[in-house]
């Protein structure tokens, strides 16, 4: 999961950075970035507050699901 998260995150950051540099990043995409990070951080925090402690996989799950979905969505957009 960690390798997949790293790859998807790299792809997403690269594609979004290119959109920002070219001026094609929409206000909706900027809002999506903030909303996703806030939601993932909240979900991870909630899982950290449970007993017994959540596994590393459970803690990374919100970040992984969004990163992989974004990489897939943004790569389709570039075609």
C-alpha atoms as a PDB file:
ATOM      1  CA  UNK A   1       0.000   0.000   0.000  1.00  0.00           C
ATOM      2  CA  UNK A   2       2.842   2.392   0.808  1.00  0.00           C
ATOM      3  CA  UNK A   3       4.432   1.959  -2.627  1.00  0.00           C
ATOM      4  CA  UNK A   4       1.092   2.441  -4.350  1.00  0.00           C
ATOM      5  CA  UNK A   5       0.399   5.548  -2.262  1.00  0.00           C
ATOM      6  CA  UNK A   6       3.810   6.976  -3.152  1.00  0.00           C
ATOM      7  CA  UNK A   7       3.349   6.377  -6.858  1.00  0.00           C
ATOM      8  CA  UNK A   8      -0.200   7.745  -6.974  1.00  0.00           C
ATOM      9  CA  UNK A   9       0.774  10.776  -4.890  1.00  0.00           C
ATOM     10  CA  UNK A  10       3.722  11.549  -7.155  1.00  0.00           C
ATOM     11  CA  UNK A  11       1.533  11.296 -10.258  1.00  0.00           C
ATOM     12  CA  UNK A  12      -1.189  13.466  -8.759  1.00  0.00           C
ATOM     13  CA  UNK A  13       1.245  16.126  -7.570  1.00  0.00           C
ATOM     14  CA  UNK A  14       2.978  16.204 -10.954  1.00  0.00           C
ATOM     15  CA  UNK A  15      -0.272  16.527 -12.907  1.00  0.00           C
ATOM     16  CA  UNK A  16      -1.722  19.164 -10.583  1.00  0.00           C
ATOM     17  CA  UNK A  17       1.550  21.110 -10.619  1.00  0.00           C
ATOM     18  CA  UNK A  18       1.496  21.088 -14.417  1.00  0.00           C
ATOM     19  CA  UNK A  19      -2.105  22.334 -14.374  1.00  0.00           C
ATOM     20  CA  UNK A  20      -1.160  25.155 -11.990  1.00  0.00           C
ATOM     21  CA  UNK A  21       1.892  26.111 -14.046  1.00  0.00           C
ATOM     22  CA  UNK A  22      -0.121  26.232 -17.255  1.00  0.00           C
ATOM     23  CA  UNK A  23      -3.011  28.110 -15.656  1.00  0.00           C
ATOM     24  CA  UNK A  24      -5.534  25.356 -16.366  1.00  0.00           C
ATOM     25  CA  UNK A  25      -6.206  24.360 -12.754  1.00  0.00           C
ATOM     26  CA  UNK A  26      -9.835  25.212 -12.035  1.00  0.00           C
ATOM     27  CA  UNK A  27     -11.118  26.696  -8.774  1.00  0.00           C
ATOM     28  CA  UNK A  28     -12.995  23.423  -8.264  1.00  0.00           C
ATOM     29  CA  UNK A  29      -9.719  21.475  -8.426  1.00  0.00           C
ATOM     30  CA  UNK A  30      -8.124  23.774  -5.844  1.00  0.00           C
ATOM     31  CA  UNK A  31     -11.143  23.299  -3.569  1.00  0.00           C
ATOM     32  CA  UNK A  32     -10.979  19.541  -4.087  1.00  0.00           C
ATOM     33  CA  UNK A  33      -7.330  19.489  -2.975  1.00  0.00           C
ATOM     34  CA  UNK A  34      -8.105  21.274   0.291  1.00  0.00           C
ATOM     35  CA  UNK A  35     -11.265  19.271   0.987  1.00  0.00           C
ATOM     36  CA  UNK A  36      -9.552  15.911   0.368  1.00  0.00           C
ATOM     37  CA  UNK A  37      -6.617  16.684   2.643  1.00  0.00           C
ATOM     38  CA  UNK A  38      -8.894  17.955   5.406  1.00  0.00           C
ATOM     39  CA  UNK A  39     -11.153  14.905   5.190  1.00  0.00           C
ATOM     40  CA  UNK A  40      -8.265  12.422   5.099  1.00  0.00           C
ATOM     41  CA  UNK A  41      -6.579  14.094   8.069  1.00  0.00           C
ATOM     42  CA  UNK A  42      -9.819  14.008  10.052  1.00  0.00           C
ATOM     43  CA  UNK A  43     -10.405  10.330   9.226  1.00  0.00           C
ATOM     44  CA  UNK A  44      -6.852   9.436  10.223  1.00  0.00           C
ATOM     45  CA  UNK A  45      -7.185  11.398  13.468  1.00  0.00           C
ATOM     46  CA  UNK A  46     -10.408   9.599  14.308  1.00  0.00           C
ATOM     47  CA  UNK A  47      -8.738   6.234  13.709  1.00  0.00           C
ATOM     48  CA  UNK A  48      -5.796   7.232  15.893  1.00  0.00           C
ATOM     49  CA  UNK A  49      -8.213   7.986  18.724  1.00  0.00           C
ATOM     50  CA  UNK A  50      -9.647   4.456  18.808  1.00  0.00           C
ATOM     51  CA  UNK A  51      -8.716   1.591  21.075  1.00  0.00           C
ATOM     52  CA  UNK A  52      -7.202  -0.782  20.172  1.00  0.00           C
ATOM     53  CA  UNK A  53      -4.988   1.333  17.920  1.00  0.00           C
ATOM     54  CA  UNK A  54      -5.673   1.197  14.209  1.00  0.00           C
ATOM     55  CA  UNK A  55      -3.228  -0.549  11.922  1.00  0.00           C
ATOM     56  CA  UNK A  56      -0.905   1.387   9.627  1.00  0.00           C
ATOM     57  CA  UNK A  57      -2.985   0.183   6.687  1.00  0.00           C
ATOM     58  CA  UNK A  58      -6.147   1.619   8.231  1.00  0.00           C
ATOM     59  CA  UNK A  59      -4.386   4.922   8.902  1.00  0.00           C
ATOM     60  CA  UNK A  60      -3.135   5.199   5.319  1.00  0.00           C
ATOM     61  CA  UNK A  61      -6.403   4.082   3.706  1.00  0.00           C
ATOM     62  CA  UNK A  62      -8.017   7.557   3.388  1.00  0.00           C
ATOM     63  CA  UNK A  63      -4.878   8.975   1.787  1.00  0.00           C
ATOM     64  CA  UNK A  64      -4.400   5.955  -0.487  1.00  0.00           C
ATOM     65  CA  UNK A  65      -7.958   5.877  -1.819  1.00  0.00           C
ATOM     66  CA  UNK A  66      -7.960   9.568  -2.741  1.00  0.00           C
ATOM     67  CA  UNK A  67      -4.460   9.554  -4.238  1.00  0.00           C
ATOM     68  CA  UNK A  68      -5.173   6.556  -6.467  1.00  0.00           C
ATOM     69  CA  UNK A  69      -8.560   7.956  -7.534  1.00  0.00           C
ATOM     70  CA  UNK A  70      -7.001  11.341  -8.347  1.00  0.00           C
ATOM     71  CA  UNK A  71      -4.142   9.824 -10.331  1.00  0.00           C
ATOM     72  CA  UNK A  72      -6.628   7.819 -12.385  1.00  0.00           C
ATOM     73  CA  UNK A  73      -9.010  10.762 -12.883  1.00  0.00           C
ATOM     74  CA  UNK A  74      -6.307  13.260 -13.781  1.00  0.00           C
ATOM     75  CA  UNK A  75      -4.548  10.876 -16.176  1.00  0.00           C
ATOM     76  CA  UNK A  76      -7.830  10.399 -18.085  1.00  0.00           C
ATOM     77  CA  UNK A  77      -8.189  14.168 -18.283  1.00  0.00           C
ATOM     78  CA  UNK A  78      -4.787  14.562 -19.958  1.00  0.00           C
ATOM     79  CA  UNK A  79      -5.686  12.251 -22.846  1.00  0.00           C
END
